[in-house]
C-alpha cells in the first residue's frame, strides 16, 4: 500500500528546520570566531595565549604582527567573573575521572 503524500510533508518540514537550525548555529559560531573554526582540546597554554591575544588586539582569535606591544598592554588585565553554583563545579567529576582513567591510566580516586 503506498504512503500518502500528505503523510511525508511534516517530516520533510521538520528535517528542513532542524538542518536550518544546525547550519545557522554553525555559521554564527564561525562568524563570531573571526571566520575561523572552533578551537577544541585547549590546555592552559592555549587559554593563556588566547587571553594575551585578546588583550593585544581586542579579538579573542586576533593576532598582531607588531614587534612591540602597545602601551596599554603593560597594565591591561581581564577579570574572570564567577557565579555561585550549588554543586560548586563538581557535577561531572566522576565522568572526568573515568575518562582520565581510561585514556591516560590515571585512576585518581582521592
PDB file of N, CA and C in Angstrom:
ATOM      1  N   UNK A   1       0.834  -1.158   0.000  1.00  0.00           N
ATOM      2  CA  UNK A   1       0.000   0.000   0.000  1.00  0.00           C
ATOM      3  C   UNK A   1       0.899   1.248   0.000  1.00  0.00           C
ATOM      4  N   UNK A   2       0.683   2.178  -0.901  1.00  0.00           N
ATOM      5  CA  UNK A   2       1.539   3.360  -0.985  1.00  0.00           C
ATOM      6  C   UNK A   2       1.301   4.314   0.183  1.00  0.00           C
ATOM      7  N   UNK A   3       2.350   5.057   0.513  1.00  0.00           N
ATOM      8  CA  UNK A   3       2.270   6.060   1.574  1.00  0.00           C
ATOM      9  C   UNK A   3       1.715   7.345   0.964  1.00  0.00           C
ATOM     10  N   UNK A   4       0.724   7.930   1.592  1.00  0.00           N
ATOM     11  CA  UNK A   4       0.166   9.159   1.024  1.00  0.00           C
ATOM     12  C   UNK A   4       1.162  10.315   1.093  1.00  0.00           C
ATOM     13  N   UNK A   5       1.081  11.169   0.131  1.00  0.00           N
ATOM     14  CA  UNK A   5       1.954  12.326   0.018  1.00  0.00           C
ATOM     15  C   UNK A   5       1.840  13.224   1.243  1.00  0.00           C
ATOM     16  N   UNK A   6       0.651  13.395   1.774  1.00  0.00           N
ATOM     17  CA  UNK A   6       0.429  14.310   2.881  1.00  0.00           C
ATOM     18  C   UNK A   6       1.098  13.820   4.169  1.00  0.00           C
ATOM     19  N   UNK A   7       1.333  12.523   4.286  1.00  0.00           N
ATOM     20  CA  UNK A   7       1.952  11.998   5.496  1.00  0.00           C
ATOM     21  C   UNK A   7       3.441  12.308   5.601  1.00  0.00           C
ATOM     22  N   UNK A   8       4.097  12.543   4.486  1.00  0.00           N
ATOM     23  CA  UNK A   8       5.539  12.801   4.498  1.00  0.00           C
ATOM     24  C   UNK A   8       5.885  14.288   4.618  1.00  0.00           C
ATOM     25  N   UNK A   9       4.931  15.154   4.353  1.00  0.00           N
ATOM     26  CA  UNK A   9       5.204  16.594   4.403  1.00  0.00           C
ATOM     27  C   UNK A   9       5.664  17.070   5.785  1.00  0.00           C
ATOM     28  N   UNK A  10       5.044  16.668   6.898  1.00  0.00           N
ATOM     29  CA  UNK A  10       5.546  17.142   8.197  1.00  0.00           C
ATOM     30  C   UNK A  10       6.972  16.697   8.481  1.00  0.00           C
ATOM     31  N   UNK A  11       7.327  15.490   8.066  1.00  0.00           N
ATOM     32  CA  UNK A  11       8.695  15.016   8.295  1.00  0.00           C
ATOM     33  C   UNK A  11       9.703  15.799   7.460  1.00  0.00           C
ATOM     34  N   UNK A  12       9.329  16.133   6.246  1.00  0.00           N
ATOM     35  CA  UNK A  12      10.217  16.941   5.410  1.00  0.00           C
ATOM     36  C   UNK A  12      10.394  18.340   6.003  1.00  0.00           C
ATOM     37  N   UNK A  13       9.316  18.911   6.506  1.00  0.00           N
ATOM     38  CA  UNK A  13       9.397  20.241   7.106  1.00  0.00           C
ATOM     39  C   UNK A  13      10.258  20.203   8.365  1.00  0.00           C
ATOM     40  N   UNK A  14      10.070  19.184   9.211  1.00  0.00           N
ATOM     41  CA  UNK A  14      10.886  19.078  10.427  1.00  0.00           C
ATOM     42  C   UNK A  14      12.362  18.885  10.091  1.00  0.00           C
ATOM     43  N   UNK A  15      12.660  18.027   9.128  1.00  0.00           N
ATOM     44  CA  UNK A  15      14.058  17.807   8.748  1.00  0.00           C
ATOM     45  C   UNK A  15      14.677  19.087   8.202  1.00  0.00           C
ATOM     46  N   UNK A  16      13.922  19.847   7.421  1.00  0.00           N
ATOM     47  CA  UNK A  16      14.444  21.104   6.870  1.00  0.00           C
ATOM     48  C   UNK A  16      14.747  22.103   7.975  1.00  0.00           C
ATOM     49  N   UNK A  17      13.860  22.217   8.941  1.00  0.00           N
ATOM     50  CA  UNK A  17      14.088  23.192  10.008  1.00  0.00           C
ATOM     51  C   UNK A  17      15.195  22.760  10.961  1.00  0.00           C
ATOM     52  N   UNK A  18      15.319  21.464  11.237  1.00  0.00           N
ATOM     53  CA  UNK A  18      16.459  21.008  12.045  1.00  0.00           C
ATOM     54  C   UNK A  18      17.776  21.284  11.319  1.00  0.00           C
ATOM     55  N   UNK A  19      17.816  21.028  10.022  1.00  0.00           N
ATOM     56  CA  UNK A  19      19.030  21.313   9.247  1.00  0.00           C
ATOM     57  C   UNK A  19      19.331  22.795   9.204  1.00  0.00           C
ATOM     58  N   UNK A  20      18.297  23.620   9.040  1.00  0.00           N
ATOM     59  CA  UNK A  20      18.491  25.069   9.009  1.00  0.00           C
ATOM     60  C   UNK A  20      19.007  25.578  10.354  1.00  0.00           C
ATOM     61  N   UNK A  21      18.450  25.067  11.443  1.00  0.00           N
ATOM     62  CA  UNK A  21      18.901  25.489  12.766  1.00  0.00           C
ATOM     63  C   UNK A  21      20.345  25.068  13.018  1.00  0.00           C
ATOM     64  N   UNK A  22      20.699  23.845  12.649  1.00  0.00           N
ATOM     65  CA  UNK A  22      22.066  23.368  12.861  1.00  0.00           C
ATOM     66  C   UNK A  22      23.089  24.159  12.061  1.00  0.00           C
ATOM     67  N   UNK A  23      22.787  24.397  10.793  1.00  0.00           N
ATOM     68  CA  UNK A  23      23.718  25.168   9.966  1.00  0.00           C
ATOM     69  C   UNK A  23      23.758  26.630  10.398  1.00  0.00           C
ATOM     70  N   UNK A  24      22.639  27.156  10.893  1.00  0.00           N
ATOM     71  CA  UNK A  24      22.627  28.531  11.376  1.00  0.00           C
ATOM     72  C   UNK A  24      23.514  28.705  12.594  1.00  0.00           C
ATOM     73  N   UNK A  25      23.424  27.771  13.544  1.00  0.00           N
ATOM     74  CA  UNK A  25      24.277  27.844  14.737  1.00  0.00           C
ATOM     75  C   UNK A  25      25.745  27.697  14.354  1.00  0.00           C
ATOM     76  N   UNK A  26      26.030  26.785  13.424  1.00  0.00           N
ATOM     77  CA  UNK A  26      27.406  26.593  12.979  1.00  0.00           C
ATOM     78  C   UNK A  26      27.943  27.865  12.320  1.00  0.00           C
ATOM     79  N   UNK A  27      27.123  28.520  11.506  1.00  0.00           N
ATOM     80  CA  UNK A  27      27.566  29.747  10.850  1.00  0.00           C
ATOM     81  C   UNK A  27      27.801  30.864  11.871  1.00  0.00           C
ATOM     82  N   UNK A  28      26.919  30.990  12.864  1.00  0.00           N
ATOM     83  CA  UNK A  28      27.084  32.056  13.866  1.00  0.00           C
ATOM     84  C   UNK A  28      28.348  31.827  14.682  1.00  0.00           C
ATOM     85  N   UNK A  29      28.630  30.591  15.042  1.00  0.00           N
ATOM     86  CA  UNK A  29      29.867  30.303  15.788  1.00  0.00           C
ATOM     87  C   UNK A  29      31.098  30.595  14.935  1.00  0.00           C
ATOM     88  N   UNK A  30      31.042  30.244  13.652  1.00  0.00           N
ATOM     89  CA  UNK A  30      32.148  30.504  12.727  1.00  0.00           C
ATOM     90  C   UNK A  30      32.356  32.005  12.557  1.00  0.00           C
ATOM     91  N   UNK A  31      31.267  32.754  12.406  1.00  0.00           N
ATOM     92  CA  UNK A  31      31.348  34.201  12.241  1.00  0.00           C
ATOM     93  C   UNK A  31      31.853  34.864  13.521  1.00  0.00           C
ATOM     94  N   UNK A  32      31.368  34.414  14.674  1.00  0.00           N
ATOM     95  CA  UNK A  32      31.762  35.006  15.940  1.00  0.00           C
ATOM     96  C   UNK A  32      33.212  34.682  16.288  1.00  0.00           C
ATOM     97  N   UNK A  33      33.768  33.671  15.683  1.00  0.00           N
ATOM     98  CA  UNK A  33      35.125  33.227  15.965  1.00  0.00           C
ATOM     99  C   UNK A  33      36.129  33.848  14.993  1.00  0.00           C
ATOM    100  N   UNK A  34      35.753  34.918  14.321  1.00  0.00           N
ATOM    101  CA  UNK A  34      36.671  35.590  13.411  1.00  0.00           C
ATOM    102  C   UNK A  34      36.883  34.833  12.115  1.00  0.00           C
ATOM    103  N   UNK A  35      35.832  34.196  11.601  1.00  0.00           N
ATOM    104  CA  UNK A  35      35.862  33.419  10.365  1.00  0.00           C
ATOM    105  C   UNK A  35      36.876  32.285  10.436  1.00  0.00           C
ATOM    106  N   UNK A  36      37.003  31.699  11.633  1.00  0.00           N
ATOM    107  CA  UNK A  36      37.885  30.541  11.836  1.00  0.00           C
ATOM    108  C   UNK A  36      37.081  29.454  12.530  1.00  0.00           C
ATOM    109  N   UNK A  37      37.518  28.208  12.391  1.00  0.00           N
ATOM    110  CA  UNK A  37      36.839  27.102  13.052  1.00  0.00           C
ATOM    111  C   UNK A  37      37.078  27.155  14.555  1.00  0.00           C
ATOM    112  N   UNK A  38      36.214  26.477  15.310  1.00  0.00           N
ATOM    113  CA  UNK A  38      36.337  26.456  16.762  1.00  0.00           C
ATOM    114  C   UNK A  38      37.626  25.774  17.188  1.00  0.00           C
ATOM    115  N   UNK A  39      38.165  26.260  18.290  1.00  0.00           N
ATOM    116  CA  UNK A  39      39.296  25.575  18.908  1.00  0.00           C
ATOM    117  C   UNK A  39      38.750  24.540  19.867  1.00  0.00           C
ATOM    118  N   UNK A  40      39.414  23.412  19.968  1.00  0.00           N
ATOM    119  CA  UNK A  40      38.967  22.354  20.867  1.00  0.00           C
ATOM    120  C   UNK A  40      40.174  21.737  21.532  1.00  0.00           C
ATOM    121  N   UNK A  41      39.952  21.071  22.654  1.00  0.00           N
ATOM    122  CA  UNK A  41      41.005  20.416  23.429  1.00  0.00           C
ATOM    123  C   UNK A  41      42.072  21.434  23.852  1.00  0.00           C
ATOM    124  N   UNK A  42      41.633  22.523  24.462  1.00  0.00           N
ATOM    125  CA  UNK A  42      42.553  23.586  24.865  1.00  0.00           C
ATOM    126  C   UNK A  42      43.193  23.263  26.210  1.00  0.00           C
ATOM    127  N   UNK A  43      44.464  23.550  26.330  1.00  0.00           N
ATOM    128  CA  UNK A  43      45.140  23.398  27.615  1.00  0.00           C
ATOM    129  C   UNK A  43      45.393  24.797  28.189  1.00  0.00           C
ATOM    130  N   UNK A  44      46.079  24.848  29.306  1.00  0.00           N
ATOM    131  CA  UNK A  44      46.297  26.125  29.989  1.00  0.00           C
ATOM    132  C   UNK A  44      47.112  27.093  29.126  1.00  0.00           C
ATOM    133  N   UNK A  45      48.075  26.580  28.349  1.00  0.00           N
ATOM    134  CA  UNK A  45      48.892  27.442  27.485  1.00  0.00           C
ATOM    135  C   UNK A  45      48.033  28.093  26.410  1.00  0.00           C
ATOM    136  N   UNK A  46      47.167  27.318  25.779  1.00  0.00           N
ATOM    137  CA  UNK A  46      46.303  27.875  24.738  1.00  0.00           C
ATOM    138  C   UNK A  46      45.376  28.940  25.310  1.00  0.00           C
ATOM    139  N   UNK A  47      44.809  28.682  26.478  1.00  0.00           N
ATOM    140  CA  UNK A  47      43.919  29.664  27.090  1.00  0.00           C
ATOM    141  C   UNK A  47      44.664  30.940  27.446  1.00  0.00           C
ATOM    142  N   UNK A  48      45.889  30.812  27.928  1.00  0.00           N
ATOM    143  CA  UNK A  48      46.686  31.991  28.268  1.00  0.00           C
ATOM    144  C   UNK A  48      47.038  32.781  27.002  1.00  0.00           C
ATOM    145  N   UNK A  49      47.359  32.104  25.911  1.00  0.00           N
ATOM    146  CA  UNK A  49      47.679  32.799  24.672  1.00  0.00           C
ATOM    147  C   UNK A  49      46.445  33.474  24.081  1.00  0.00           C
ATOM    148  N   UNK A  50      45.279  32.854  24.248  1.00  0.00           N
ATOM    149  CA  UNK A  50      44.047  33.499  23.787  1.00  0.00           C
ATOM    150  C   UNK A  50      43.763  34.758  24.605  1.00  0.00           C
ATOM    151  N   UNK A  51      44.035  34.715  25.903  1.00  0.00           N
ATOM    152  CA  UNK A  51      43.864  35.894  26.751  1.00  0.00           C
ATOM    153  C   UNK A  51      44.835  36.999  26.331  1.00  0.00           C
ATOM    154  N   UNK A  52      46.086  36.619  26.038  1.00  0.00           N
ATOM    155  CA  UNK A  52      47.081  37.604  25.594  1.00  0.00           C
ATOM    156  C   UNK A  52      46.676  38.215  24.261  1.00  0.00           C
ATOM    157  N   UNK A  53      46.218  37.378  23.312  1.00  0.00           N
ATOM    158  CA  UNK A  53      45.793  37.898  22.016  1.00  0.00           C
ATOM    159  C   UNK A  53      44.616  38.851  22.150  1.00  0.00           C
ATOM    160  N   UNK A  54      43.691  38.535  23.072  1.00  0.00           N
ATOM    161  CA  UNK A  54      42.549  39.428  23.288  1.00  0.00           C
ATOM    162  C   UNK A  54      43.010  40.763  23.844  1.00  0.00           C
ATOM    163  N   UNK A  55      43.974  40.747  24.752  1.00  0.00           N
ATOM    164  CA  UNK A  55      44.455  42.000  25.317  1.00  0.00           C
ATOM    165  C   UNK A  55      45.242  42.813  24.286  1.00  0.00           C
ATOM    166  N   UNK A  56      45.934  42.146  23.376  1.00  0.00           N
ATOM    167  CA  UNK A  56      46.709  42.858  22.351  1.00  0.00           C
ATOM    168  C   UNK A  56      45.820  43.437  21.258  1.00  0.00           C
ATOM    169  N   UNK A  57      44.845  42.667  20.796  1.00  0.00           N
ATOM    170  CA  UNK A  57      44.089  43.078  19.616  1.00  0.00           C
ATOM    171  C   UNK A  57      42.635  43.399  19.879  1.00  0.00           C
ATOM    172  N   UNK A  58      42.073  42.949  20.998  1.00  0.00           N
ATOM    173  CA  UNK A  58      40.659  43.155  21.260  1.00  0.00           C
ATOM    174  C   UNK A  58      39.772  42.078  20.675  1.00  0.00           C
ATOM    175  N   UNK A  59      40.385  41.083  20.029  1.00  0.00           N
ATOM    176  CA  UNK A  59      39.665  39.965  19.434  1.00  0.00           C
ATOM    177  C   UNK A  59      40.253  38.687  19.997  1.00  0.00           C
ATOM    178  N   UNK A  60      39.386  37.746  20.362  1.00  0.00           N
ATOM    179  CA  UNK A  60      39.870  36.526  21.006  1.00  0.00           C
ATOM    180  C   UNK A  60      40.793  35.719  20.091  1.00  0.00           C
ATOM    181  N   UNK A  61      40.511  35.693  18.800  1.00  0.00           N
ATOM    182  CA  UNK A  61      41.341  34.941  17.869  1.00  0.00           C
ATOM    183  C   UNK A  61      42.294  35.826  17.065  1.00  0.00           C
ATOM    184  N   UNK A  62      42.376  37.105  17.408  1.00  0.00           N
ATOM    185  CA  UNK A  62      43.218  38.028  16.662  1.00  0.00           C
ATOM    186  C   UNK A  62      44.678  37.887  17.026  1.00  0.00           C
ATOM    187  N   UNK A  63      45.543  38.184  16.075  1.00  0.00           N
ATOM    188  CA  UNK A  63      46.973  38.163  16.316  1.00  0.00           C
ATOM    189  C   UNK A  63      47.589  39.427  15.753  1.00  0.00           C
ATOM    190  N   UNK A  64      48.690  39.845  16.351  1.00  0.00           N
ATOM    191  CA  UNK A  64      49.344  41.075  15.951  1.00  0.00           C
ATOM    192  C   UNK A  64      50.738  40.765  15.428  1.00  0.00           C
ATOM    193  N   UNK A  65      51.150  41.488  14.396  1.00  0.00           N
ATOM    194  CA  UNK A  65      52.490  41.280  13.844  1.00  0.00           C
ATOM    195  C   UNK A  65      53.466  42.362  14.276  1.00  0.00           C
ATOM    196  N   UNK A  66      53.016  43.252  15.145  1.00  0.00           N
ATOM    197  CA  UNK A  66      53.885  44.317  15.622  1.00  0.00           C
ATOM    198  C   UNK A  66      54.924  43.757  16.589  1.00  0.00           C
ATOM    199  N   UNK A  67      56.206  44.144  16.458  1.00  0.00           N
ATOM    200  CA  UNK A  67      57.241  43.601  17.344  1.00  0.00           C
ATOM    201  C   UNK A  67      57.170  44.149  18.772  1.00  0.00           C
ATOM    202  N   UNK A  68      56.543  45.306  18.949  1.00  0.00           N
ATOM    203  CA  UNK A  68      56.453  45.925  20.274  1.00  0.00           C
ATOM    204  C   UNK A  68      54.978  46.026  20.640  1.00  0.00           C
ATOM    205  N   UNK A  69      54.659  45.621  21.863  1.00  0.00           N
ATOM    206  CA  UNK A  69      53.274  45.686  22.321  1.00  0.00           C
ATOM    207  C   UNK A  69      52.857  47.134  22.532  1.00  0.00           C
ATOM    208  N   UNK A  70      51.568  47.437  22.363  1.00  0.00           N
ATOM    209  CA  UNK A  70      51.118  48.810  22.628  1.00  0.00           C
ATOM    210  C   UNK A  70      51.265  49.165  24.105  1.00  0.00           C
ATOM    211  N   UNK A  71      51.230  50.462  24.385  1.00  0.00           N
ATOM    212  CA  UNK A  71      51.481  50.947  25.744  1.00  0.00           C
ATOM    213  C   UNK A  71      50.446  50.440  26.743  1.00  0.00           C
ATOM    214  N   UNK A  72      49.186  50.326  26.325  1.00  0.00           N
ATOM    215  CA  UNK A  72      48.138  49.909  27.262  1.00  0.00           C
ATOM    216  C   UNK A  72      48.248  48.426  27.632  1.00  0.00           C
ATOM    217  N   UNK A  73      49.045  47.659  26.914  1.00  0.00           N
ATOM    218  CA  UNK A  73      49.179  46.231  27.210  1.00  0.00           C
ATOM    219  C   UNK A  73      49.925  45.991  28.522  1.00  0.00           C
ATOM    220  N   UNK A  74      50.744  46.943  28.962  1.00  0.00           N
ATOM    221  CA  UNK A  74      51.527  46.767  30.184  1.00  0.00           C
ATOM    222  C   UNK A  74      50.642  46.666  31.419  1.00  0.00           C
ATOM    223  N   UNK A  75      49.534  47.394  31.428  1.00  0.00           N
ATOM    224  CA  UNK A  75      48.662  47.393  32.600  1.00  0.00           C
ATOM    225  C   UNK A  75      47.318  46.721  32.341  1.00  0.00           C
ATOM    226  N   UNK A  76      47.115  46.140  31.156  1.00  0.00           N
ATOM    227  CA  UNK A  76      45.834  45.530  30.830  1.00  0.00           C
ATOM    228  C   UNK A  76      45.697  44.172  31.518  1.00  0.00           C
ATOM    229  N   UNK A  77      44.491  43.891  31.969  1.00  0.00           N
ATOM    230  CA  UNK A  77      44.194  42.593  32.569  1.00  0.00           C
ATOM    231  C   UNK A  77      42.700  42.363  32.480  1.00  0.00           C
ATOM    232  N   UNK A  78      42.300  41.106  32.490  1.00  0.00           N
ATOM    233  CA  UNK A  78      40.881  40.776  32.477  1.00  0.00           C
ATOM    234  C   UNK A  78      40.502  40.203  33.829  1.00  0.00           C
ATOM    235  N   UNK A  79      39.258  40.377  34.196  1.00  0.00           N
ATOM    236  CA  UNK A  79      38.735  39.860  35.446  1.00  0.00           C
ATOM    237  C   UNK A  79      37.740  38.759  35.104  1.00  0.00           C
ATOM    238  N   UNK A  80      38.011  37.570  35.605  1.00  0.00           N
ATOM    239  CA  UNK A  80      37.099  36.452  35.372  1.00  0.00           C
ATOM    240  C   UNK A  80      35.913  36.595  36.307  1.00  0.00           C
ATOM    241  N   UNK A  81      34.711  36.572  35.733  1.00  0.00           N
ATOM    242  CA  UNK A  81      33.510  36.681  36.541  1.00  0.00           C
ATOM    243  C   UNK A  81      33.110  35.293  37.017  1.00  0.00           C
ATOM    244  N   UNK A  82      32.811  35.169  38.288  1.00  0.00           N
ATOM    245  CA  UNK A  82      32.454  33.879  38.856  1.00  0.00           C
ATOM    246  C   UNK A  82      31.011  33.918  39.317  1.00  0.00           C
ATOM    247  N   UNK A  83      30.346  32.792  39.150  1.00  0.00           N
ATOM    248  CA  UNK A  83      28.960  32.665  39.548  1.00  0.00           C
ATOM    249  C   UNK A  83      28.838  31.616  40.640  1.00  0.00           C
ATOM    250  N   UNK A  84      27.835  31.771  41.476  1.00  0.00           N
ATOM    251  CA  UNK A  84      27.580  30.783  42.508  1.00  0.00           C
ATOM    252  C   UNK A  84      26.966  29.551  41.864  1.00  0.00           C
ATOM    253  N   UNK A  85      27.453  28.398  42.249  1.00  0.00           N
ATOM    254  CA  UNK A  85      26.917  27.142  41.762  1.00  0.00           C
ATOM    255  C   UNK A  85      26.625  26.259  42.959  1.00  0.00           C
ATOM    256  N   UNK A  86      25.450  25.658  42.969  1.00  0.00           N
ATOM    257  CA  UNK A  86      25.065  24.836  44.110  1.00  0.00           C
ATOM    258  C   UNK A  86      25.965  23.613  44.252  1.00  0.00           C
ATOM    259  N   UNK A  87      26.430  23.067  43.117  1.00  0.00           N
ATOM    260  CA  UNK A  87      27.283  21.879  43.195  1.00  0.00           C
ATOM    261  C   UNK A  87      28.764  22.228  43.174  1.00  0.00           C
ATOM    262  N   UNK A  88      29.093  23.519  43.188  1.00  0.00           N
ATOM    263  CA  UNK A  88      30.478  24.009  43.232  1.00  0.00           C
ATOM    264  C   UNK A  88      31.335  23.427  42.112  1.00  0.00           C
ATOM    265  N   UNK A  89      30.764  23.248  40.948  1.00  0.00           N
ATOM    266  CA  UNK A  89      31.517  22.759  39.799  1.00  0.00           C
ATOM    267  C   UNK A  89      31.886  21.293  39.876  1.00  0.00           C
ATOM    268  N   UNK A  90      31.217  20.523  40.702  1.00  0.00           N
ATOM    269  CA  UNK A  90      31.572  19.125  40.895  1.00  0.00           C
ATOM    270  C   UNK A  90      30.614  18.176  40.179  1.00  0.00           C
ATOM    271  N   UNK A  91      29.841  18.659  39.225  1.00  0.00           N
ATOM    272  CA  UNK A  91      28.785  17.823  38.652  1.00  0.00           C
ATOM    273  C   UNK A  91      29.341  16.718  37.763  1.00  0.00           C
ATOM    274  N   UNK A  92      30.475  16.924  37.121  1.00  0.00           N
ATOM    275  CA  UNK A  92      30.989  15.935  36.191  1.00  0.00           C
ATOM    276  C   UNK A  92      32.318  15.345  36.651  1.00  0.00           C
ATOM    277  N   UNK A  93      32.572  15.384  37.941  1.00  0.00           N
ATOM    278  CA  UNK A  93      33.847  14.897  38.454  1.00  0.00           C
ATOM    279  C   UNK A  93      33.996  13.404  38.185  1.00  0.00           C
ATOM    280  N   UNK A  94      32.952  12.606  38.441  1.00  0.00           N
ATOM    281  CA  UNK A  94      33.041  11.170  38.229  1.00  0.00           C
ATOM    282  C   UNK A  94      33.292  10.856  36.760  1.00  0.00           C
ATOM    283  N   UNK A  95      32.572  11.537  35.873  1.00  0.00           N
ATOM    284  CA  UNK A  95      32.755  11.295  34.441  1.00  0.00           C
ATOM    285  C   UNK A  95      34.171  11.665  34.006  1.00  0.00           C
ATOM    286  N   UNK A  96      34.666  12.803  34.497  1.00  0.00           N
ATOM    287  CA  UNK A  96      36.018  13.222  34.126  1.00  0.00           C
ATOM    288  C   UNK A  96      37.064  12.249  34.654  1.00  0.00           C
ATOM    289  N   UNK A  97      36.872  11.775  35.877  1.00  0.00           N
ATOM    290  CA  UNK A  97      37.832  10.827  36.438  1.00  0.00           C
ATOM    291  C   UNK A  97      37.816   9.508  35.670  1.00  0.00           C
ATOM    292  N   UNK A  98      36.633   9.045  35.283  1.00  0.00           N
ATOM    293  CA  UNK A  98      36.563   7.816  34.490  1.00  0.00           C
ATOM    294  C   UNK A  98      37.236   8.007  33.131  1.00  0.00           C
ATOM    295  N   UNK A  99      37.010   9.159  32.507  1.00  0.00           N
ATOM    296  CA  UNK A  99      37.615   9.418  31.198  1.00  0.00           C
ATOM    297  C   UNK A  99      39.140   9.471  31.299  1.00  0.00           C
ATOM    298  N   UNK A 100      39.645  10.188  32.335  1.00  0.00           N
ATOM    299  CA  UNK A 100      41.098  10.251  32.502  1.00  0.00           C
ATOM    300  C   UNK A 100      41.669   8.869  32.805  1.00  0.00           C
ATOM    301  N   UNK A 101      40.952   8.076  33.568  1.00  0.00           N
ATOM    302  CA  UNK A 101      41.437   6.741  33.895  1.00  0.00           C
ATOM    303  C   UNK A 101      41.528   5.862  32.668  1.00  0.00           C
ATOM    304  N   UNK A 102      40.500   5.890  31.831  1.00  0.00           N
ATOM    305  CA  UNK A 102      40.519   5.056  30.633  1.00  0.00           C
ATOM    306  C   UNK A 102      41.540   5.546  29.607  1.00  0.00           C
ATOM    307  N   UNK A 103      41.642   6.844  29.447  1.00  0.00           N
ATOM    308  CA  UNK A 103      42.508   7.376  28.394  1.00  0.00           C
ATOM    309  C   UNK A 103      43.963   7.414  28.831  1.00  0.00           C
ATOM    310  N   UNK A 104      44.240   7.933  30.027  1.00  0.00           N
ATOM    311  CA  UNK A 104      45.618   8.143  30.449  1.00  0.00           C
ATOM    312  C   UNK A 104      46.097   7.122  31.473  1.00  0.00           C
ATOM    313  N   UNK A 105      45.202   6.291  31.989  1.00  0.00           N
ATOM    314  CA  UNK A 105      45.592   5.336  33.014  1.00  0.00           C
ATOM    315  C   UNK A 105      45.802   5.981  34.368  1.00  0.00           C
ATOM    316  N   UNK A 106      45.262   7.189  34.566  1.00  0.00           N
ATOM    317  CA  UNK A 106      45.433   7.926  35.808  1.00  0.00           C
ATOM    318  C   UNK A 106      44.169   7.730  36.661  1.00  0.00           C
ATOM    319  N   UNK A 107      44.131   6.652  37.415  1.00  0.00           N
ATOM    320  CA  UNK A 107      42.957   6.336  38.235  1.00  0.00           C
ATOM    321  C   UNK A 107      43.109   6.985  39.597  1.00  0.00           C
ATOM    322  N   UNK A 108      42.780   8.285  39.685  1.00  0.00           N
ATOM    323  CA  UNK A 108      42.905   9.041  40.923  1.00  0.00           C
ATOM    324  C   UNK A 108      41.540   9.117  41.591  1.00  0.00           C
ATOM    325  N   UNK A 109      41.356   8.403  42.694  1.00  0.00           N
ATOM    326  CA  UNK A 109      40.077   8.411  43.398  1.00  0.00           C
ATOM    327  C   UNK A 109      40.177   9.116  44.743  1.00  0.00           C
ATOM    328  N   UNK A 110      41.185   9.941  44.916  1.00  0.00           N
ATOM    329  CA  UNK A 110      41.340  10.638  46.204  1.00  0.00           C
ATOM    330  C   UNK A 110      40.384  11.801  46.321  1.00  0.00           C
TER     331      UNK A 110
END
